[in-house]
C-alpha cells in the first residue's frame, strides 16, 4: 500500500514539472515532445540528480529523499515559497534554507493595526522577541515594554524578549501571578515552538544565555517538557492597577507564520480600575 504523503509528493512534483514551458528552463520546445512541460530527465538534469532516482520519486517508491535533494528540486522547478514549504512537508523533511531566513520583521499593515486596538497587543518573532506593541501593552507591562524602546536603542541594541523579561527582569516574579507555573509553561511552549530550529544560532544563543543567567530557566529547560502555545487566562499584579486579569489569544499571520500576534482581552471592566 502506497503511503499517502509519498503519493502526494509524487503527484505534486509531476504537476510542477508539467506546468512550465521548456523554454523557461533553457530547453527547446520542439514538436516531438510527447509530454507537457519538462521531461523527467530534464528535471533530473537541472537538479543534478539521477534520472532513474527522480523517476522513482514520481512513482512514489519507498526511497528516502534527502533535504539537499529536495532543495535542488525546489530550485530547479522554480517553486514559490508556499510550494517549497509544501514539498518539504510532504517529504517530511526540514528545509535547509529555513536556517538562513531573513531577520523577523513585523508587517507594516499589522503594526498600524496594533495602535488602533484598545486592548493590549504585541507581535512576537521566532525567538519571542517583541517586534511591535501598542500603547495599551506599554501601559500594562510597566518596566518592560514601556521602557523597552529606549533600552533597545541605547544599551542592549536588541528588541525586548518575552523569555528575558520573565526570567531575567527583577520585577517579573511579582508582576506575573503564579510566576513559577507560568514560567515553566512558557519554557515548554518555547521548546515546542522551536522544535525544528533548536540548532539555529539565534535559538542556541538565547537558550545558552538564559541557562547561564537563570537557574529556573536552566531547570525547566532540562526537563524537556513540550506544550503547544495556548490562550487562556493571564493575571498580573500591576503596580498602579493592582490585580488585573485577561483572556489571552494568540494568532499567526498567514503570510508570516513564524510571527505571533498576542491579544489580551480584559475579563471585566473592574480589572482596569485603579486600586483603591
C-alpha atoms as a PDB file:
ATOM      1  CA  UNK A   1       0.000   0.000   0.000  1.00  0.00           C
ATOM      2  CA  UNK A   2       1.421   3.383  -1.062  1.00  0.00           C
ATOM      3  CA  UNK A   3       1.861   5.955   1.672  1.00  0.00           C
ATOM      4  CA  UNK A   4      -0.498   8.898   1.158  1.00  0.00           C
ATOM      5  CA  UNK A   5       2.194  11.549   1.655  1.00  0.00           C
ATOM      6  CA  UNK A   6       4.624   9.774  -0.640  1.00  0.00           C
ATOM      7  CA  UNK A   7       1.917   9.595  -3.302  1.00  0.00           C
ATOM      8  CA  UNK A   8       1.089  13.262  -2.790  1.00  0.00           C
ATOM      9  CA  UNK A   9       4.780  14.155  -3.137  1.00  0.00           C
ATOM     10  CA  UNK A  10       4.962  12.195  -6.390  1.00  0.00           C
ATOM     11  CA  UNK A  11       1.870  13.820  -7.865  1.00  0.00           C
ATOM     12  CA  UNK A  12       2.933  17.273  -6.721  1.00  0.00           C
ATOM     13  CA  UNK A  13       6.340  17.007  -8.409  1.00  0.00           C
ATOM     14  CA  UNK A  14       4.692  15.727 -11.564  1.00  0.00           C
ATOM     15  CA  UNK A  15       2.292  18.670 -11.585  1.00  0.00           C
ATOM     16  CA  UNK A  16       5.120  21.160 -11.013  1.00  0.00           C
ATOM     17  CA  UNK A  17       7.164  19.559 -13.797  1.00  0.00           C
ATOM     18  CA  UNK A  18       4.321  19.671 -16.291  1.00  0.00           C
ATOM     19  CA  UNK A  19       3.229  23.247 -15.701  1.00  0.00           C
ATOM     20  CA  UNK A  20       6.339  25.010 -17.002  1.00  0.00           C
ATOM     21  CA  UNK A  21       7.359  25.621 -20.582  1.00  0.00           C
ATOM     22  CA  UNK A  22      10.676  24.015 -21.631  1.00  0.00           C
ATOM     23  CA  UNK A  23      11.931  27.365 -22.974  1.00  0.00           C
ATOM     24  CA  UNK A  24      11.640  28.947 -19.495  1.00  0.00           C
ATOM     25  CA  UNK A  25      14.127  26.347 -18.237  1.00  0.00           C
ATOM     26  CA  UNK A  26      16.542  26.580 -21.172  1.00  0.00           C
ATOM     27  CA  UNK A  27      15.275  23.614 -23.203  1.00  0.00           C
ATOM     28  CA  UNK A  28      13.926  23.737 -26.786  1.00  0.00           C
ATOM     29  CA  UNK A  29      10.200  23.071 -27.067  1.00  0.00           C
ATOM     30  CA  UNK A  30      10.208  21.075 -30.299  1.00  0.00           C
ATOM     31  CA  UNK A  31       7.299  19.271 -31.925  1.00  0.00           C
ATOM     32  CA  UNK A  32       8.396  15.801 -30.862  1.00  0.00           C
ATOM     33  CA  UNK A  33       7.586  16.283 -27.200  1.00  0.00           C
ATOM     34  CA  UNK A  34       5.016  13.783 -26.033  1.00  0.00           C
ATOM     35  CA  UNK A  35       4.624  15.276 -22.573  1.00  0.00           C
ATOM     36  CA  UNK A  36       3.537  18.690 -21.385  1.00  0.00           C
ATOM     37  CA  UNK A  37       6.182  20.781 -19.679  1.00  0.00           C
ATOM     38  CA  UNK A  38       9.533  19.290 -18.745  1.00  0.00           C
ATOM     39  CA  UNK A  39      10.629  15.694 -19.145  1.00  0.00           C
ATOM     40  CA  UNK A  40      11.721  13.780 -16.059  1.00  0.00           C
ATOM     41  CA  UNK A  41      15.235  13.590 -17.442  1.00  0.00           C
ATOM     42  CA  UNK A  42      15.322  17.371 -17.771  1.00  0.00           C
ATOM     43  CA  UNK A  43      14.239  17.938 -14.175  1.00  0.00           C
ATOM     44  CA  UNK A  44      16.895  15.476 -13.020  1.00  0.00           C
ATOM     45  CA  UNK A  45      19.490  17.306 -15.122  1.00  0.00           C
ATOM     46  CA  UNK A  46      18.528  20.695 -13.672  1.00  0.00           C
ATOM     47  CA  UNK A  47      18.619  19.336 -10.129  1.00  0.00           C
ATOM     48  CA  UNK A  48      21.838  17.390 -10.603  1.00  0.00           C
ATOM     49  CA  UNK A  49      20.349  14.040  -9.592  1.00  0.00           C
ATOM     50  CA  UNK A  50      19.923  10.664 -11.265  1.00  0.00           C
ATOM     51  CA  UNK A  51      17.084  10.467 -13.799  1.00  0.00           C
ATOM     52  CA  UNK A  52      16.236   6.969 -12.589  1.00  0.00           C
ATOM     53  CA  UNK A  53      16.119   8.092  -8.972  1.00  0.00           C
ATOM     54  CA  UNK A  54      13.900  11.075  -9.835  1.00  0.00           C
ATOM     55  CA  UNK A  55      11.579   8.728 -11.741  1.00  0.00           C
ATOM     56  CA  UNK A  56      11.286   6.582  -8.643  1.00  0.00           C
ATOM     57  CA  UNK A  57      10.209   9.637  -6.633  1.00  0.00           C
ATOM     58  CA  UNK A  58       7.433  10.369  -9.132  1.00  0.00           C
ATOM     59  CA  UNK A  59       6.431   6.713  -8.951  1.00  0.00           C
ATOM     60  CA  UNK A  60       6.041   7.038  -5.158  1.00  0.00           C
ATOM     61  CA  UNK A  61       8.526   4.247  -4.492  1.00  0.00           C
ATOM     62  CA  UNK A  62       9.804   3.654  -0.962  1.00  0.00           C
ATOM     63  CA  UNK A  63      13.021   5.620  -1.171  1.00  0.00           C
ATOM     64  CA  UNK A  64      14.468   8.249   1.144  1.00  0.00           C
ATOM     65  CA  UNK A  65      14.638  11.738  -0.306  1.00  0.00           C
ATOM     66  CA  UNK A  66      17.177  13.959   1.433  1.00  0.00           C
ATOM     67  CA  UNK A  67      16.612  17.600   2.271  1.00  0.00           C
ATOM     68  CA  UNK A  68      19.529  18.506  -0.015  1.00  0.00           C
ATOM     69  CA  UNK A  69      17.886  16.745  -2.976  1.00  0.00           C
ATOM     70  CA  UNK A  70      14.575  18.464  -2.259  1.00  0.00           C
ATOM     71  CA  UNK A  71      16.402  21.797  -2.103  1.00  0.00           C
ATOM     72  CA  UNK A  72      17.850  21.193  -5.558  1.00  0.00           C
ATOM     73  CA  UNK A  73      14.466  20.103  -6.929  1.00  0.00           C
ATOM     74  CA  UNK A  74      12.726  23.171  -5.498  1.00  0.00           C
ATOM     75  CA  UNK A  75      15.328  25.431  -7.108  1.00  0.00           C
ATOM     76  CA  UNK A  76      15.246  23.552 -10.407  1.00  0.00           C
ATOM     77  CA  UNK A  77      11.446  23.763 -10.660  1.00  0.00           C
ATOM     78  CA  UNK A  78      11.403  27.422  -9.523  1.00  0.00           C
ATOM     79  CA  UNK A  79       8.933  26.737  -6.727  1.00  0.00           C
ATOM     80  CA  UNK A  80       7.316  29.576  -4.823  1.00  0.00           C
ATOM     81  CA  UNK A  81       7.734  29.897  -1.057  1.00  0.00           C
ATOM     82  CA  UNK A  82       4.417  28.133  -0.407  1.00  0.00           C
ATOM     83  CA  UNK A  83       5.162  25.394  -2.929  1.00  0.00           C
ATOM     84  CA  UNK A  84       8.609  24.859  -1.463  1.00  0.00           C
ATOM     85  CA  UNK A  85       7.170  24.564   2.050  1.00  0.00           C
ATOM     86  CA  UNK A  86       4.584  22.064   0.807  1.00  0.00           C
ATOM     87  CA  UNK A  87       7.283  19.997  -0.928  1.00  0.00           C
ATOM     88  CA  UNK A  88       9.304  19.641   2.271  1.00  0.00           C
ATOM     89  CA  UNK A  89       6.202  18.925   4.364  1.00  0.00           C
ATOM     90  CA  UNK A  90       5.106  16.110   2.057  1.00  0.00           C
ATOM     91  CA  UNK A  91       8.597  14.601   2.188  1.00  0.00           C
ATOM     92  CA  UNK A  92       8.713  15.041   5.982  1.00  0.00           C
ATOM     93  CA  UNK A  93      11.996  16.896   5.735  1.00  0.00           C
ATOM     94  CA  UNK A  94      13.244  20.195   7.132  1.00  0.00           C
ATOM     95  CA  UNK A  95      14.037  22.901   4.621  1.00  0.00           C
ATOM     96  CA  UNK A  96      17.772  23.749   4.977  1.00  0.00           C
ATOM     97  CA  UNK A  97      17.079  27.302   3.815  1.00  0.00           C
ATOM     98  CA  UNK A  98      14.879  27.894   6.860  1.00  0.00           C
ATOM     99  CA  UNK A  99      18.107  28.263   8.860  1.00  0.00           C
ATOM    100  CA  UNK A 100      19.085  31.250   6.733  1.00  0.00           C
ATOM    101  CA  UNK A 101      15.839  33.176   6.815  1.00  0.00           C
ATOM    102  CA  UNK A 102      15.931  36.922   6.986  1.00  0.00           C
ATOM    103  CA  UNK A 103      15.507  38.582  10.341  1.00  0.00           C
ATOM    104  CA  UNK A 104      11.970  38.839  11.663  1.00  0.00           C
ATOM    105  CA  UNK A 105      10.110  41.977  10.724  1.00  0.00           C
ATOM    106  CA  UNK A 106       6.556  42.857  11.666  1.00  0.00           C
ATOM    107  CA  UNK A 107       4.446  43.768   8.600  1.00  0.00           C
ATOM    108  CA  UNK A 108       3.742  47.495   8.419  1.00  0.00           C
ATOM    109  CA  UNK A 109      -0.009  46.910   7.998  1.00  0.00           C
ATOM    110  CA  UNK A 110      -0.117  44.779  11.142  1.00  0.00           C
ATOM    111  CA  UNK A 111       1.891  47.314  13.132  1.00  0.00           C
ATOM    112  CA  UNK A 112      -0.526  50.022  12.040  1.00  0.00           C
ATOM    113  CA  UNK A 113      -3.464  47.912  13.239  1.00  0.00           C
ATOM    114  CA  UNK A 114      -1.889  47.462  16.678  1.00  0.00           C
ATOM    115  CA  UNK A 115      -2.198  51.102  17.659  1.00  0.00           C
ATOM    116  CA  UNK A 116      -5.863  51.144  16.679  1.00  0.00           C
ATOM    117  CA  UNK A 117      -6.595  48.377  19.185  1.00  0.00           C
ATOM    118  CA  UNK A 118      -7.839  49.369  22.629  1.00  0.00           C
ATOM    119  CA  UNK A 119      -6.694  46.139  24.268  1.00  0.00           C
ATOM    120  CA  UNK A 120      -3.017  45.290  24.906  1.00  0.00           C
ATOM    121  CA  UNK A 121      -1.441  43.650  21.865  1.00  0.00           C
ATOM    122  CA  UNK A 122       2.053  42.838  20.646  1.00  0.00           C
ATOM    123  CA  UNK A 123       3.834  40.891  17.897  1.00  0.00           C
ATOM    124  CA  UNK A 124       6.473  38.251  18.672  1.00  0.00           C
ATOM    125  CA  UNK A 125       9.104  36.792  16.342  1.00  0.00           C
ATOM    126  CA  UNK A 126      10.626  33.323  16.074  1.00  0.00           C
ATOM    127  CA  UNK A 127      12.741  33.608  19.222  1.00  0.00           C
ATOM    128  CA  UNK A 128       9.980  35.506  21.039  1.00  0.00           C
ATOM    129  CA  UNK A 129      11.458  38.936  20.515  1.00  0.00           C
ATOM    130  CA  UNK A 130       8.690  41.527  20.750  1.00  0.00           C
ATOM    131  CA  UNK A 131       8.835  43.292  17.397  1.00  0.00           C
ATOM    132  CA  UNK A 132       5.997  45.770  17.923  1.00  0.00           C
ATOM    133  CA  UNK A 133       3.441  46.649  20.584  1.00  0.00           C
ATOM    134  CA  UNK A 134       0.736  49.238  21.191  1.00  0.00           C
ATOM    135  CA  UNK A 135       0.171  51.889  23.836  1.00  0.00           C
ATOM    136  CA  UNK A 136      -2.123  49.606  25.833  1.00  0.00           C
ATOM    137  CA  UNK A 137       0.638  46.982  26.042  1.00  0.00           C
ATOM    138  CA  UNK A 138       3.089  49.652  27.232  1.00  0.00           C
ATOM    139  CA  UNK A 139       0.647  50.656  29.963  1.00  0.00           C
ATOM    140  CA  UNK A 140       0.200  47.044  31.049  1.00  0.00           C
ATOM    141  CA  UNK A 141       3.816  45.860  31.003  1.00  0.00           C
ATOM    142  CA  UNK A 142       5.299  48.564  33.196  1.00  0.00           C
ATOM    143  CA  UNK A 143       9.075  48.298  33.475  1.00  0.00           C
ATOM    144  CA  UNK A 144       9.312  46.217  30.310  1.00  0.00           C
ATOM    145  CA  UNK A 145       7.516  47.443  27.206  1.00  0.00           C
ATOM    146  CA  UNK A 146       7.081  50.976  28.490  1.00  0.00           C
ATOM    147  CA  UNK A 147      10.838  51.458  28.581  1.00  0.00           C
ATOM    148  CA  UNK A 148      11.988  48.737  26.172  1.00  0.00           C
ATOM    149  CA  UNK A 149      12.109  51.018  23.147  1.00  0.00           C
ATOM    150  CA  UNK A 150      14.589  53.324  24.857  1.00  0.00           C
ATOM    151  CA  UNK A 151      16.681  50.435  26.172  1.00  0.00           C
ATOM    152  CA  UNK A 152      16.818  48.736  22.786  1.00  0.00           C
ATOM    153  CA  UNK A 153      18.183  51.872  21.171  1.00  0.00           C
ATOM    154  CA  UNK A 154      20.740  52.647  23.881  1.00  0.00           C
ATOM    155  CA  UNK A 155      22.133  49.820  25.990  1.00  0.00           C
ATOM    156  CA  UNK A 156      21.002  46.468  24.580  1.00  0.00           C
ATOM    157  CA  UNK A 157      20.736  47.137  20.861  1.00  0.00           C
ATOM    158  CA  UNK A 158      18.122  44.384  20.602  1.00  0.00           C
ATOM    159  CA  UNK A 159      14.337  44.150  20.858  1.00  0.00           C
ATOM    160  CA  UNK A 160      12.648  43.175  24.130  1.00  0.00           C
ATOM    161  CA  UNK A 161      12.188  39.432  24.555  1.00  0.00           C
ATOM    162  CA  UNK A 162       9.421  37.656  26.487  1.00  0.00           C
ATOM    163  CA  UNK A 163      11.708  34.997  27.972  1.00  0.00           C
ATOM    164  CA  UNK A 164      14.340  37.519  29.043  1.00  0.00           C
ATOM    165  CA  UNK A 165      11.610  39.523  30.741  1.00  0.00           C
ATOM    166  CA  UNK A 166      10.166  36.548  32.628  1.00  0.00           C
ATOM    167  CA  UNK A 167      13.485  35.043  33.729  1.00  0.00           C
ATOM    168  CA  UNK A 168      15.938  37.932  33.909  1.00  0.00           C
ATOM    169  CA  UNK A 169      13.943  41.012  34.875  1.00  0.00           C
ATOM    170  CA  UNK A 170      13.743  41.595  38.623  1.00  0.00           C
ATOM    171  CA  UNK A 171      10.080  42.613  38.832  1.00  0.00           C
ATOM    172  CA  UNK A 172       8.729  39.721  36.740  1.00  0.00           C
ATOM    173  CA  UNK A 173       8.242  37.342  39.666  1.00  0.00           C
ATOM    174  CA  UNK A 174       5.979  39.796  41.456  1.00  0.00           C
ATOM    175  CA  UNK A 175       4.309  41.094  38.295  1.00  0.00           C
ATOM    176  CA  UNK A 176       3.257  37.702  36.857  1.00  0.00           C
ATOM    177  CA  UNK A 177       0.688  35.890  39.013  1.00  0.00           C
ATOM    178  CA  UNK A 178       1.710  32.244  39.685  1.00  0.00           C
ATOM    179  CA  UNK A 179       5.125  33.028  38.234  1.00  0.00           C
ATOM    180  CA  UNK A 180       6.627  29.546  38.580  1.00  0.00           C
ATOM    181  CA  UNK A 181       3.697  27.837  36.880  1.00  0.00           C
ATOM    182  CA  UNK A 182       3.627  30.372  34.048  1.00  0.00           C
ATOM    183  CA  UNK A 183       7.409  30.378  33.645  1.00  0.00           C
ATOM    184  CA  UNK A 184       7.570  26.582  33.497  1.00  0.00           C
ATOM    185  CA  UNK A 185       4.824  26.534  30.874  1.00  0.00           C
ATOM    186  CA  UNK A 186       6.497  29.246  28.807  1.00  0.00           C
ATOM    187  CA  UNK A 187       9.678  27.188  28.566  1.00  0.00           C
ATOM    188  CA  UNK A 188       7.700  24.132  27.445  1.00  0.00           C
ATOM    189  CA  UNK A 189       5.863  26.224  24.872  1.00  0.00           C
ATOM    190  CA  UNK A 190       9.107  27.733  23.592  1.00  0.00           C
ATOM    191  CA  UNK A 191      10.672  24.283  23.196  1.00  0.00           C
ATOM    192  CA  UNK A 192       7.648  23.118  21.207  1.00  0.00           C
ATOM    193  CA  UNK A 193       7.630  26.274  19.098  1.00  0.00           C
ATOM    194  CA  UNK A 194      11.335  25.895  18.252  1.00  0.00           C
ATOM    195  CA  UNK A 195      11.413  22.104  17.983  1.00  0.00           C
ATOM    196  CA  UNK A 196      12.562  22.188  14.357  1.00  0.00           C
ATOM    197  CA  UNK A 197      15.005  25.063  14.916  1.00  0.00           C
ATOM    198  CA  UNK A 198      16.940  24.129  18.048  1.00  0.00           C
ATOM    199  CA  UNK A 199      20.227  24.156  16.106  1.00  0.00           C
ATOM    200  CA  UNK A 200      19.716  27.659  14.734  1.00  0.00           C
ATOM    201  CA  UNK A 201      22.315  30.106  16.111  1.00  0.00           C
ATOM    202  CA  UNK A 202      19.721  32.615  17.403  1.00  0.00           C
ATOM    203  CA  UNK A 203      17.854  29.918  19.320  1.00  0.00           C
ATOM    204  CA  UNK A 204      21.001  28.341  20.754  1.00  0.00           C
ATOM    205  CA  UNK A 205      22.362  31.731  21.783  1.00  0.00           C
ATOM    206  CA  UNK A 206      19.150  32.626  23.614  1.00  0.00           C
ATOM    207  CA  UNK A 207      18.907  29.252  25.347  1.00  0.00           C
ATOM    208  CA  UNK A 208      22.568  29.418  26.412  1.00  0.00           C
ATOM    209  CA  UNK A 209      22.168  32.963  27.714  1.00  0.00           C
ATOM    210  CA  UNK A 210      19.084  32.111  29.753  1.00  0.00           C
ATOM    211  CA  UNK A 211      20.520  28.811  31.011  1.00  0.00           C
ATOM    212  CA  UNK A 212      23.652  30.584  32.268  1.00  0.00           C
ATOM    213  CA  UNK A 213      21.774  33.531  33.771  1.00  0.00           C
ATOM    214  CA  UNK A 214      18.691  31.869  35.299  1.00  0.00           C
ATOM    215  CA  UNK A 215      18.744  28.721  37.423  1.00  0.00           C
ATOM    216  CA  UNK A 216      14.976  28.429  36.992  1.00  0.00           C
ATOM    217  CA  UNK A 217      15.167  28.505  33.185  1.00  0.00           C
ATOM    218  CA  UNK A 218      18.034  26.010  33.209  1.00  0.00           C
ATOM    219  CA  UNK A 219      15.988  23.659  35.412  1.00  0.00           C
ATOM    220  CA  UNK A 220      12.825  23.939  33.305  1.00  0.00           C
ATOM    221  CA  UNK A 221      14.712  23.591  30.011  1.00  0.00           C
ATOM    222  CA  UNK A 222      16.411  20.384  31.150  1.00  0.00           C
ATOM    223  CA  UNK A 223      13.028  18.849  31.973  1.00  0.00           C
ATOM    224  CA  UNK A 224      12.255  18.720  28.216  1.00  0.00           C
ATOM    225  CA  UNK A 225       8.559  19.452  28.717  1.00  0.00           C
ATOM    226  CA  UNK A 226       6.768  20.238  25.454  1.00  0.00           C
ATOM    227  CA  UNK A 227       3.457  22.106  25.205  1.00  0.00           C
ATOM    228  CA  UNK A 228       1.740  23.852  22.335  1.00  0.00           C
ATOM    229  CA  UNK A 229       1.249  27.566  22.942  1.00  0.00           C
ATOM    230  CA  UNK A 230      -2.301  28.150  24.093  1.00  0.00           C
ATOM    231  CA  UNK A 231      -4.502  31.006  25.144  1.00  0.00           C
ATOM    232  CA  UNK A 232      -6.292  31.228  28.473  1.00  0.00           C
ATOM    233  CA  UNK A 233      -6.448  33.447  31.495  1.00  0.00           C
ATOM    234  CA  UNK A 234      -3.471  35.611  32.414  1.00  0.00           C
ATOM    235  CA  UNK A 235      -3.222  37.610  35.646  1.00  0.00           C
ATOM    236  CA  UNK A 236      -0.773  40.340  36.642  1.00  0.00           C
ATOM    237  CA  UNK A 237      -0.028  42.421  39.731  1.00  0.00           C
ATOM    238  CA  UNK A 238       0.119  45.863  38.154  1.00  0.00           C
ATOM    239  CA  UNK A 239       1.960  48.479  40.272  1.00  0.00           C
ATOM    240  CA  UNK A 240      -0.814  51.050  39.786  1.00  0.00           C
ATOM    241  CA  UNK A 241      -3.909  48.995  38.959  1.00  0.00           C
ATOM    242  CA  UNK A 242      -3.438  46.080  41.329  1.00  0.00           C
ATOM    243  CA  UNK A 243      -4.594  42.615  40.263  1.00  0.00           C
ATOM    244  CA  UNK A 244      -5.746  42.595  36.631  1.00  0.00           C
ATOM    245  CA  UNK A 245      -6.876  39.602  34.569  1.00  0.00           C
ATOM    246  CA  UNK A 246      -7.036  38.972  30.844  1.00  0.00           C
ATOM    247  CA  UNK A 247      -8.028  36.333  28.328  1.00  0.00           C
ATOM    248  CA  UNK A 248      -5.073  35.774  26.002  1.00  0.00           C
ATOM    249  CA  UNK A 249      -5.471  34.858  22.340  1.00  0.00           C
ATOM    250  CA  UNK A 250      -2.505  34.191  20.029  1.00  0.00           C
ATOM    251  CA  UNK A 251      -2.884  34.458  16.241  1.00  0.00           C
ATOM    252  CA  UNK A 252      -0.436  33.792  13.391  1.00  0.00           C
ATOM    253  CA  UNK A 253      -0.384  35.896  10.197  1.00  0.00           C
ATOM    254  CA  UNK A 254      -0.922  33.627   7.192  1.00  0.00           C
ATOM    255  CA  UNK A 255       1.971  35.056   5.180  1.00  0.00           C
ATOM    256  CA  UNK A 256       4.444  35.048   8.106  1.00  0.00           C
ATOM    257  CA  UNK A 257       3.527  32.114  10.304  1.00  0.00           C
ATOM    258  CA  UNK A 258       6.718  32.469  12.341  1.00  0.00           C
ATOM    259  CA  UNK A 259       5.176  35.599  13.882  1.00  0.00           C
ATOM    260  CA  UNK A 260       2.580  35.674  16.651  1.00  0.00           C
ATOM    261  CA  UNK A 261       0.023  38.382  17.309  1.00  0.00           C
ATOM    262  CA  UNK A 262      -0.801  38.239  21.037  1.00  0.00           C
ATOM    263  CA  UNK A 263      -4.047  39.884  22.200  1.00  0.00           C
ATOM    264  CA  UNK A 264      -5.087  40.385  25.830  1.00  0.00           C
ATOM    265  CA  UNK A 265      -8.815  40.914  26.364  1.00  0.00           C
ATOM    266  CA  UNK A 266      -9.757  42.285  29.839  1.00  0.00           C
ATOM    267  CA  UNK A 267     -12.031  39.810  31.625  1.00  0.00           C
ATOM    268  CA  UNK A 268     -14.094  42.588  33.178  1.00  0.00           C
ATOM    269  CA  UNK A 269     -14.276  46.354  33.321  1.00  0.00           C
ATOM    270  CA  UNK A 270     -13.342  46.187  37.008  1.00  0.00           C
ATOM    271  CA  UNK A 271      -9.909  44.778  36.182  1.00  0.00           C
ATOM    272  CA  UNK A 272      -8.946  48.095  34.628  1.00  0.00           C
ATOM    273  CA  UNK A 273      -9.953  50.232  37.603  1.00  0.00           C
ATOM    274  CA  UNK A 274      -7.127  51.629  39.744  1.00  0.00           C
ATOM    275  CA  UNK A 275      -6.597  50.004  43.117  1.00  0.00           C
ATOM    276  CA  UNK A 276      -8.210  51.980  45.969  1.00  0.00           C
END
